[in-house]
Amino acid sequence: MIDRKISPLVNDISKIDFLSPETWTLRNGAKVWGIKAGTQDLVKIDFMFNAGSWFQASNLVAGLTNAYMNQGSKNYSAQQIAEAFDFRGAYLQLSADQQHGYVSILTLNKYFDEILKVTADVIKHPTFPAKEVKTQIAKKKQWFIVENSKVKMLAQKKFSQVLFGENHPYGNTNTASDYDKLTREQLVQFHAENYRLSECKILIAGNYSDEMKEQLEFYFGEEGGLAARETFASFPIVPAKEQAHFVDKDDALQSAIRIGKLVVNRDHPDFHGLNILSTILGGYFGSRLMTNIREDKGYTYGIGSAIFTFPHASYFAIVTEVGTEVCSDALTEIYFEIEKLQNDLVGDDELDVVKNYLLGEMLRSIDGVFAMSGSFHTLLEAGLDFSHYRDFVTAITKITPEEIMQLAQKYLNKEELFQVVAGKRQ
């Protein structure tokens, strides 16, 4: 019998094992990474193309090109594409960000060939039917109008422009009128120029077989079409000259706050320590910002800080929404918590909690083959491998309160932080 009066042993996490992916190249040059694990006959594939907003000539084109690829292809209608996945219990997801356009599928092994066949047609031969595209654009415009009436969206949009400049792909400059200017021909052209199989990065995870690797070669290894680009366009980052910005919304009941700055990328020696610092400040439920501004003051339901990474830049941000009447007080408390980290050493007990939290989150992020695939996906975007996470584990276990204070003094100077507030002026 188990003695319920005796608590189970707690073991420290000192080492985390990562499953290194196998790699191979399709005959057209497309790179494939495979994480083979699990006992269920189930696989997930992510196709990653250099087809984000970085490569578009007009607003919205990259995102909507990706979103409407499943509205019809050379051999399948939108309904047939949907039915092909639904009937087999498979899953298709289309998404795009500033750098990449993604096509992701999840399917049982026994339906792999059928699903891959349809997916290949969606990726290689989308037709962008005029009627369907027009209807979807109208829906997207209405959604955009509703979302951009919210203070959190107004603040984030302005914050992106403040950090990167209005002419940078990472600066969000979309407007409702952009939807009216969009044409089907723009989507067709963007797809033809940017969904290049030779540039595609493919990540397959699950209990896949050699036969499935051959099927991947058959559908996506074909040669021809546009070759991989040797160089990519570059855009200068032009931050705003002023540090504080306000977006006025007269009928707002809450004010959205964004505070932050550009910081180092994942490959910089300070990145891991800065990530730990951000966690202490606002990266988990017991963080200093949550304890002060939510638990003690009751100014918000939630507040957090994090480092947001892109292939060409990274930034640190504090994010929250508070009542308009307490916005000024909330800002005061945020800077108070930052100054404490710059002037006072973090206690050993608090640091142990944060270290255990981060190590636990790391274990959770690789719990299962698909979770591990998602974690590797993040590294793949940055051109890194699992050694990046191994270094993070080492940094977590070895970082000291003195190093955390030095990082706070180096990266969190109030004079260098940009502040954006969207809401009603008081």
Protein backbone atom coordinates (compact mmCIF):
# COMPACT_ATOMS: atom_id res chain seq x y z
CA MET A 1 0.00 0.00 0.00
CA ILE A 2 1.15 3.56 -0.79
CA ASP A 3 1.62 5.73 2.28
CA ARG A 4 -0.28 8.89 1.32
CA LYS A 5 1.35 10.82 4.16
CA ILE A 6 4.72 10.68 2.45
CA SER A 7 5.16 13.03 -0.51
CA PRO A 8 6.80 11.65 -3.66
CA LEU A 9 10.44 12.37 -4.35
CA VAL A 10 11.22 15.51 -6.33
CA ASN A 11 14.11 15.14 -8.73
CA ASP A 12 16.01 18.06 -10.19
CA ILE A 13 16.15 18.31 -13.97
CA SER A 14 19.79 18.53 -14.97
CA LYS A 15 19.72 17.11 -18.48
CA ILE A 16 17.14 16.94 -21.26
CA ASP A 17 17.58 14.63 -24.22
CA PHE A 18 16.51 15.79 -27.68
CA LEU A 19 15.92 13.45 -30.58
CA SER A 20 18.11 14.59 -33.45
CA PRO A 21 16.25 14.59 -36.78
CA GLU A 22 17.45 12.75 -39.84
CA THR A 23 17.91 14.89 -42.93
CA TRP A 24 17.81 14.30 -46.66
CA THR A 25 17.37 16.26 -49.86
CA LEU A 26 14.81 15.74 -52.61
CA ARG A 27 16.08 15.64 -56.17
CA ASN A 28 15.00 19.24 -56.81
CA GLY A 29 17.00 20.53 -53.83
CA ALA A 30 14.20 20.75 -51.27
CA LYS A 31 15.47 19.99 -47.75
CA VAL A 32 13.68 17.47 -45.50
CA TRP A 33 14.02 16.97 -41.75
CA GLY A 34 12.46 13.86 -40.23
CA ILE A 35 11.74 13.17 -36.56
CA LYS A 36 10.80 9.51 -36.41
CA ALA A 37 9.20 8.47 -33.14
CA GLY A 38 5.95 7.28 -31.63
CA THR A 39 3.99 4.06 -31.91
CA GLN A 40 0.79 5.34 -33.55
CA ASP A 41 0.53 5.20 -37.34
CA LEU A 42 0.19 8.96 -37.60
CA VAL A 43 2.33 11.65 -39.24
CA LYS A 44 2.47 15.41 -39.40
CA ILE A 45 4.17 17.31 -42.21
CA ASP A 46 5.00 21.01 -42.32
CA PHE A 47 5.88 22.59 -45.66
CA MET A 48 7.69 25.90 -45.17
CA PHE A 49 8.13 28.35 -48.06
CA ASN A 50 9.87 31.72 -48.28
CA ALA A 51 6.51 33.34 -48.92
CA GLY A 52 5.76 35.67 -46.02
CA SER A 53 5.07 39.39 -46.10
CA TRP A 54 8.82 39.94 -46.47
CA PHE A 55 8.41 39.01 -50.14
CA GLN A 56 5.18 40.84 -51.02
CA ALA A 57 4.97 44.04 -53.05
CA SER A 58 1.56 45.06 -51.64
CA ASN A 59 -0.08 44.67 -48.24
CA LEU A 60 -2.04 41.47 -47.50
CA VAL A 61 -0.90 39.59 -50.61
CA ALA A 62 1.30 37.02 -48.84
CA GLY A 63 -1.21 36.14 -46.13
CA LEU A 64 -4.22 35.90 -48.41
CA THR A 65 -2.35 33.95 -51.08
CA ASN A 66 -1.62 31.33 -48.47
CA ALA A 67 -5.11 31.42 -46.94
CA TYR A 68 -6.89 30.86 -50.26
CA MET A 69 -4.75 28.08 -51.70
CA ASN A 70 -7.38 25.55 -50.58
CA GLN A 71 -10.22 27.37 -52.38
CA GLY A 72 -9.62 25.27 -55.45
CA SER A 73 -6.78 23.62 -57.35
CA LYS A 74 -6.14 22.16 -60.78
CA ASN A 75 -7.80 18.83 -59.98
CA TYR A 76 -10.00 19.59 -56.96
CA SER A 77 -12.66 22.11 -56.01
CA ALA A 78 -12.68 23.72 -52.56
CA GLN A 79 -15.41 21.28 -51.51
CA GLN A 80 -13.50 18.27 -52.79
CA ILE A 81 -10.37 19.39 -50.92
CA ALA A 82 -12.32 19.78 -47.68
CA GLU A 83 -14.06 16.43 -48.14
CA ALA A 84 -10.80 14.63 -48.93
CA PHE A 85 -9.45 15.64 -45.51
CA ASP A 86 -12.69 15.37 -43.51
CA PHE A 87 -13.57 11.89 -44.83
CA ARG A 88 -10.18 10.54 -43.77
CA GLY A 89 -10.05 12.34 -40.44
CA ALA A 90 -7.04 14.32 -41.68
CA TYR A 91 -6.19 17.94 -41.04
CA LEU A 92 -4.99 20.78 -43.28
CA GLN A 93 -3.74 24.10 -41.94
CA LEU A 94 -2.63 27.11 -43.94
CA SER A 95 -0.81 30.00 -42.29
CA ALA A 96 1.67 32.75 -43.07
CA ASP A 97 3.77 35.20 -41.10
CA GLN A 98 6.32 37.87 -41.90
CA GLN A 99 8.85 35.41 -43.31
CA HIS A 100 7.16 32.18 -44.34
CA GLY A 101 4.08 30.64 -45.83
CA TYR A 102 3.15 27.29 -44.26
CA VAL A 103 1.10 24.29 -45.32
CA SER A 104 0.67 21.68 -42.59
CA ILE A 105 -1.07 18.31 -42.70
CA LEU A 106 -1.84 15.63 -40.13
CA THR A 107 -2.97 12.21 -41.31
CA LEU A 108 -3.11 8.52 -40.54
CA ASN A 109 -0.42 6.52 -42.32
CA LYS A 110 -2.95 4.47 -44.26
CA TYR A 111 -4.26 7.64 -45.94
CA PHE A 112 -0.86 9.20 -46.46
CA ASP A 113 -0.70 8.78 -50.23
CA GLU A 114 -4.23 10.12 -50.86
CA ILE A 115 -3.72 13.12 -48.56
CA LEU A 116 -0.28 13.88 -49.98
CA LYS A 117 -1.69 13.78 -53.51
CA VAL A 118 -4.34 16.38 -52.68
CA THR A 119 -1.89 18.50 -50.71
CA ALA A 120 0.56 18.51 -53.62
CA ASP A 121 -2.16 19.80 -55.92
CA VAL A 122 -3.12 22.51 -53.43
CA ILE A 123 0.50 23.66 -53.10
CA LYS A 124 1.56 23.40 -56.74
CA HIS A 125 -1.62 24.23 -58.65
CA PRO A 126 -4.03 26.48 -56.71
CA THR A 127 -6.48 28.23 -59.06
CA PHE A 128 -7.75 31.00 -56.76
CA PRO A 129 -11.31 30.93 -58.20
CA ALA A 130 -12.50 34.52 -58.61
CA LYS A 131 -15.90 34.05 -56.95
CA GLU A 132 -14.54 32.23 -53.88
CA VAL A 133 -11.64 34.64 -53.48
CA LYS A 134 -13.92 37.68 -53.69
CA THR A 135 -16.23 36.23 -51.03
CA GLN A 136 -13.36 35.35 -48.72
CA ILE A 137 -11.75 38.77 -49.08
CA ALA A 138 -15.03 40.45 -48.11
CA LYS A 139 -15.21 38.25 -44.99
CA LYS A 140 -11.60 38.98 -44.10
CA LYS A 141 -12.19 42.72 -44.46
CA GLN A 142 -15.11 42.66 -42.02
CA TRP A 143 -13.07 40.64 -39.54
CA PHE A 144 -10.20 43.11 -39.92
CA ILE A 145 -12.48 46.10 -39.24
CA VAL A 146 -13.84 44.49 -36.07
CA GLU A 147 -10.41 43.44 -34.77
CA ASN A 148 -8.82 46.81 -35.48
CA SER A 149 -11.40 48.57 -33.36
CA LYS A 150 -9.91 46.86 -30.29
CA VAL A 151 -7.29 48.70 -28.28
CA LYS A 152 -4.99 45.68 -28.11
CA MET A 153 -4.77 45.58 -31.91
CA LEU A 154 -4.28 49.35 -32.16
CA ALA A 155 -1.46 49.18 -29.62
CA GLN A 156 0.28 46.21 -31.24
CA LYS A 157 0.05 47.75 -34.71
CA LYS A 158 1.56 51.03 -33.54
CA PHE A 159 4.18 49.21 -31.48
CA SER A 160 5.36 47.25 -34.54
CA GLN A 161 5.66 50.46 -36.55
CA VAL A 162 7.53 52.20 -33.72
CA LEU A 163 10.06 49.38 -33.45
CA PHE A 164 10.70 48.66 -37.13
CA GLY A 165 9.38 51.60 -39.16
CA GLU A 166 6.35 51.75 -41.43
CA ASN A 167 8.25 50.52 -44.49
CA HIS A 168 9.63 47.38 -42.85
CA PRO A 169 7.83 44.02 -43.35
CA TYR A 170 7.77 43.55 -39.57
CA GLY A 171 5.92 46.87 -39.18
CA ASN A 172 2.17 46.25 -39.45
CA THR A 173 0.72 48.79 -41.92
CA ASN A 174 -2.37 46.95 -43.19
CA THR A 175 -5.54 49.01 -43.64
CA ALA A 176 -9.14 48.16 -44.52
CA SER A 177 -8.74 49.83 -47.91
CA ASP A 178 -5.98 47.36 -48.79
CA TYR A 179 -8.67 44.67 -49.13
CA ASP A 180 -10.43 46.72 -51.81
CA LYS A 181 -7.21 47.04 -53.82
CA LEU A 182 -6.42 43.34 -53.75
CA THR A 183 -6.86 41.39 -56.98
CA ARG A 184 -6.90 37.71 -57.83
CA GLU A 185 -4.03 38.31 -60.26
CA GLN A 186 -1.81 39.49 -57.41
CA LEU A 187 -2.39 36.22 -55.56
CA VAL A 188 -1.67 34.14 -58.67
CA GLN A 189 1.55 36.03 -59.33
CA PHE A 190 2.75 35.89 -55.73
CA HIS A 191 2.17 32.15 -55.59
CA ALA A 192 4.01 31.57 -58.85
CA GLU A 193 7.01 33.60 -57.70
CA ASN A 194 7.33 32.45 -54.10
CA TYR A 195 6.02 28.90 -53.63
CA ARG A 196 9.15 27.33 -55.08
CA LEU A 197 9.58 23.63 -54.37
CA SER A 198 13.35 23.98 -54.61
CA GLU A 199 13.29 26.43 -51.67
CA CYS A 200 10.80 24.45 -49.60
CA LYS A 201 11.77 23.17 -46.16
CA ILE A 202 9.85 20.06 -45.17
CA LEU A 203 9.52 18.74 -41.63
CA ILE A 204 7.93 15.29 -41.20
CA ALA A 205 7.27 13.82 -37.76
CA GLY A 206 5.73 10.61 -36.52
CA ASN A 207 5.93 6.94 -37.31
CA TYR A 208 6.76 7.34 -41.00
CA SER A 209 8.17 4.62 -43.25
CA ASP A 210 10.68 4.45 -46.12
CA GLU A 211 7.73 4.06 -48.51
CA MET A 212 6.31 7.35 -47.26
CA LYS A 213 9.67 9.03 -47.87
CA GLU A 214 9.49 7.79 -51.45
CA GLN A 215 5.97 9.17 -51.81
CA LEU A 216 7.20 12.53 -50.54
CA GLU A 217 9.90 12.43 -53.22
CA PHE A 218 7.33 11.51 -55.88
CA TYR A 219 4.95 14.39 -55.14
CA PHE A 220 7.38 17.12 -54.12
CA GLY A 221 10.75 16.23 -55.65
CA GLU A 222 9.91 17.20 -59.21
CA GLU A 223 12.38 19.45 -60.96
CA GLY A 224 11.59 22.47 -63.06
CA GLY A 225 9.93 25.75 -62.22
CA LEU A 226 11.76 28.60 -60.54
CA ALA A 227 15.13 27.85 -59.01
CA ALA A 228 15.96 28.72 -55.42
CA ARG A 229 16.88 32.36 -54.91
CA GLU A 230 20.51 33.06 -54.14
CA THR A 231 19.83 36.34 -52.32
CA PHE A 232 16.89 37.88 -50.48
CA ALA A 233 15.78 41.48 -50.24
CA SER A 234 16.89 43.41 -47.16
CA PHE A 235 15.01 46.17 -45.36
CA PRO A 236 16.51 48.76 -43.00
CA ILE A 237 15.04 48.95 -39.50
CA VAL A 238 14.09 52.55 -38.72
CA PRO A 239 12.77 52.87 -35.13
CA ALA A 240 10.76 55.91 -34.12
CA LYS A 241 12.63 58.90 -32.70
CA GLU A 242 10.18 59.40 -29.82
CA GLN A 243 9.99 56.85 -27.01
CA ALA A 244 6.36 57.37 -25.89
CA HIS A 245 3.34 57.08 -28.20
CA PHE A 246 -0.41 57.26 -27.65
CA VAL A 247 -3.24 55.99 -29.88
CA ASP A 248 -6.48 57.76 -28.96
CA LYS A 249 -9.77 55.84 -28.84
CA ASP A 250 -12.49 57.92 -27.19
CA ASP A 251 -14.93 55.11 -26.39
CA ALA A 252 -12.35 52.72 -24.90
CA LEU A 253 -13.00 51.23 -21.48
CA GLN A 254 -9.51 49.76 -21.32
CA SER A 255 -6.07 50.93 -22.31
CA ALA A 256 -3.66 48.56 -24.05
CA ILE A 257 -0.02 48.90 -23.08
CA ARG A 258 3.06 47.80 -24.99
CA ILE A 259 6.55 48.50 -23.63
CA GLY A 260 9.74 47.15 -25.15
CA LYS A 261 12.66 47.43 -27.51
CA LEU A 262 14.70 45.58 -30.11
CA VAL A 263 17.03 43.03 -28.57
CA VAL A 264 19.54 40.37 -29.63
CA ASN A 265 18.64 37.38 -31.80
CA ARG A 266 18.66 33.72 -30.77
CA ASP A 267 22.28 33.21 -31.80
CA HIS A 268 23.61 35.91 -29.44
CA PRO A 269 25.34 34.85 -26.17
CA ASP A 270 22.97 37.04 -24.11
CA PHE A 271 19.76 35.61 -25.56
CA HIS A 272 19.23 32.78 -23.07
CA GLY A 273 19.93 34.98 -20.06
CA LEU A 274 17.62 37.67 -21.39
CA ASN A 275 14.90 35.05 -21.80
CA ILE A 276 15.31 34.03 -18.16
CA LEU A 277 15.20 37.70 -17.09
CA SER A 278 11.97 38.19 -19.05
CA THR A 279 10.45 35.14 -17.37
CA ILE A 280 11.21 36.52 -13.91
CA LEU A 281 9.66 39.85 -14.86
CA GLY A 282 6.52 38.61 -16.59
CA GLY A 283 6.91 35.20 -18.19
CA TYR A 284 4.77 33.00 -15.93
CA PHE A 285 1.77 33.27 -13.63
CA GLY A 286 3.88 33.87 -10.52
CA SER A 287 6.02 36.54 -12.19
CA ARG A 288 6.68 39.93 -10.65
CA LEU A 289 4.38 41.81 -13.01
CA MET A 290 1.52 39.38 -12.40
CA THR A 291 2.05 39.41 -8.64
CA ASN A 292 2.12 43.20 -8.46
CA ILE A 293 -0.26 44.45 -11.13
CA ARG A 294 -2.84 41.65 -11.14
CA GLU A 295 -2.72 40.04 -7.71
CA ASP A 296 -1.84 43.02 -5.55
CA LYS A 297 -3.23 46.06 -7.43
CA GLY A 298 -6.00 44.40 -9.44
CA TYR A 299 -5.33 46.58 -12.48
CA THR A 300 -5.58 43.76 -15.05
CA TYR A 301 -6.62 40.18 -15.68
CA GLY A 302 -3.25 39.42 -17.19
CA ILE A 303 0.15 40.91 -17.93
CA GLY A 304 3.26 39.34 -19.36
CA SER A 305 6.63 39.89 -20.93
CA ALA A 306 8.38 37.86 -23.61
CA ILE A 307 10.98 37.93 -26.35
CA PHE A 308 9.51 37.70 -29.85
CA THR A 309 11.88 36.40 -32.49
CA PHE A 310 11.98 36.69 -36.28
CA PRO A 311 14.66 35.50 -38.69
CA HIS A 312 16.05 39.03 -39.03
CA ALA A 313 15.23 40.69 -35.70
CA SER A 314 13.96 40.13 -32.17
CA TYR A 315 12.23 42.32 -29.63
CA PHE A 316 11.32 42.30 -25.96
CA ALA A 317 7.81 43.40 -25.00
CA ILE A 318 5.60 43.84 -21.96
CA VAL A 319 1.94 43.36 -22.89
CA THR A 320 -1.24 44.11 -20.95
CA GLU A 321 -4.67 45.75 -20.98
CA VAL A 322 -5.80 47.76 -17.94
CA GLY A 323 -8.70 50.00 -17.02
CA THR A 324 -8.28 53.47 -18.51
CA GLU A 325 -8.52 55.09 -15.08
CA VAL A 326 -5.54 53.11 -13.73
CA CYS A 327 -3.32 53.19 -16.84
CA SER A 328 -0.92 55.75 -15.42
CA ASP A 329 -0.61 53.84 -12.14
CA ALA A 330 -0.01 50.58 -14.02
CA LEU A 331 2.81 52.16 -16.03
CA THR A 332 4.39 53.39 -12.80
CA GLU A 333 4.31 49.88 -11.33
CA ILE A 334 5.75 48.31 -14.50
CA TYR A 335 8.79 50.59 -14.41
CA PHE A 336 9.07 50.04 -10.66
CA GLU A 337 9.43 46.28 -11.21
CA ILE A 338 12.02 46.85 -13.94
CA GLU A 339 14.08 49.11 -11.67
CA LYS A 340 13.98 46.52 -8.89
CA LEU A 341 15.58 43.98 -11.21
CA GLN A 342 18.27 46.52 -12.08
CA ASN A 343 19.05 47.43 -8.47
CA ASP A 344 18.32 44.36 -6.32
CA LEU A 345 19.54 40.80 -6.63
CA VAL A 346 16.91 38.15 -7.30
CA GLY A 347 16.46 35.90 -4.27
CA ASP A 348 17.58 32.28 -4.43
CA ASP A 349 14.08 30.93 -3.72
CA GLU A 350 12.51 32.94 -6.54
CA LEU A 351 15.29 32.01 -8.94
CA ASP A 352 14.86 28.30 -8.11
CA VAL A 353 11.14 28.56 -8.89
CA VAL A 354 11.84 30.20 -12.25
CA LYS A 355 14.53 27.67 -13.13
CA ASN A 356 12.23 24.74 -12.34
CA TYR A 357 9.42 26.37 -14.30
CA LEU A 358 11.58 26.89 -17.39
CA LEU A 359 13.01 23.38 -17.26
CA GLY A 360 9.51 21.96 -16.86
CA GLU A 361 8.30 23.99 -19.82
CA MET A 362 11.22 22.69 -21.85
CA LEU A 363 10.24 19.11 -21.02
CA ARG A 364 6.63 19.87 -21.94
CA SER A 365 7.69 21.35 -25.27
CA ILE A 366 9.25 18.03 -26.34
CA ASP A 367 6.69 15.69 -24.76
CA GLY A 368 5.79 13.57 -27.74
CA VAL A 369 6.93 13.55 -31.32
CA PHE A 370 4.58 16.31 -32.48
CA ALA A 371 5.55 18.60 -29.60
CA MET A 372 9.19 17.95 -30.43
CA SER A 373 8.43 18.69 -34.06
CA GLY A 374 6.92 22.03 -33.08
CA SER A 375 9.98 22.94 -31.04
CA PHE A 376 12.30 22.00 -33.89
CA HIS A 377 10.12 24.00 -36.29
CA THR A 378 10.98 27.13 -34.30
CA LEU A 379 14.69 26.35 -34.56
CA LEU A 380 14.45 25.59 -38.27
CA GLU A 381 13.05 29.06 -38.92
CA ALA A 382 16.06 30.56 -37.17
CA GLY A 383 18.60 28.31 -38.87
CA LEU A 384 19.46 26.55 -35.60
CA ASP A 385 19.33 23.02 -34.22
CA PHE A 386 18.60 21.37 -30.87
CA SER A 387 22.00 22.48 -29.54
CA HIS A 388 20.29 25.85 -29.03
CA TYR A 389 17.92 24.27 -26.49
CA ARG A 390 20.74 22.32 -24.87
CA ASP A 391 22.57 25.59 -24.35
CA PHE A 392 19.38 27.05 -22.87
CA VAL A 393 19.19 24.21 -20.33
CA THR A 394 22.80 24.90 -19.36
CA ALA A 395 22.10 28.62 -19.05
CA ILE A 396 19.09 27.96 -16.82
CA THR A 397 21.03 25.76 -14.42
CA LYS A 398 24.07 28.04 -14.19
CA ILE A 399 22.73 31.61 -14.27
CA THR A 400 23.29 33.67 -11.13
CA PRO A 401 21.42 36.62 -9.55
CA GLU A 402 24.39 38.86 -10.41
CA GLU A 403 24.14 37.96 -14.11
CA ILE A 404 20.40 38.66 -14.10
CA MET A 405 20.97 42.12 -12.59
CA GLN A 406 23.65 42.89 -15.19
CA LEU A 407 21.30 41.88 -18.02
CA ALA A 408 18.53 44.07 -16.59
CA GLN A 409 20.91 47.01 -16.44
CA LYS A 410 22.11 46.34 -19.99
CA TYR A 411 18.79 45.76 -21.76
CA LEU A 412 15.99 47.33 -19.72
CA ASN A 413 17.02 50.97 -19.38
CA LYS A 414 13.85 53.06 -19.23
CA GLU A 415 15.34 55.68 -21.55
CA GLU A 416 15.71 53.05 -24.29
CA LEU A 417 12.27 51.42 -23.94
CA PHE A 418 9.48 52.35 -26.33
CA GLN A 419 6.05 52.83 -24.76
CA VAL A 420 2.77 52.62 -26.67
CA VAL A 421 -0.64 53.11 -25.06
CA ALA A 422 -3.93 52.80 -26.94
CA GLY A 423 -7.11 53.95 -25.22
CA LYS A 424 -9.00 56.96 -23.93
CA ARG A 425 -7.00 59.94 -22.75
CA GLN A 426 -7.46 60.77 -19.06
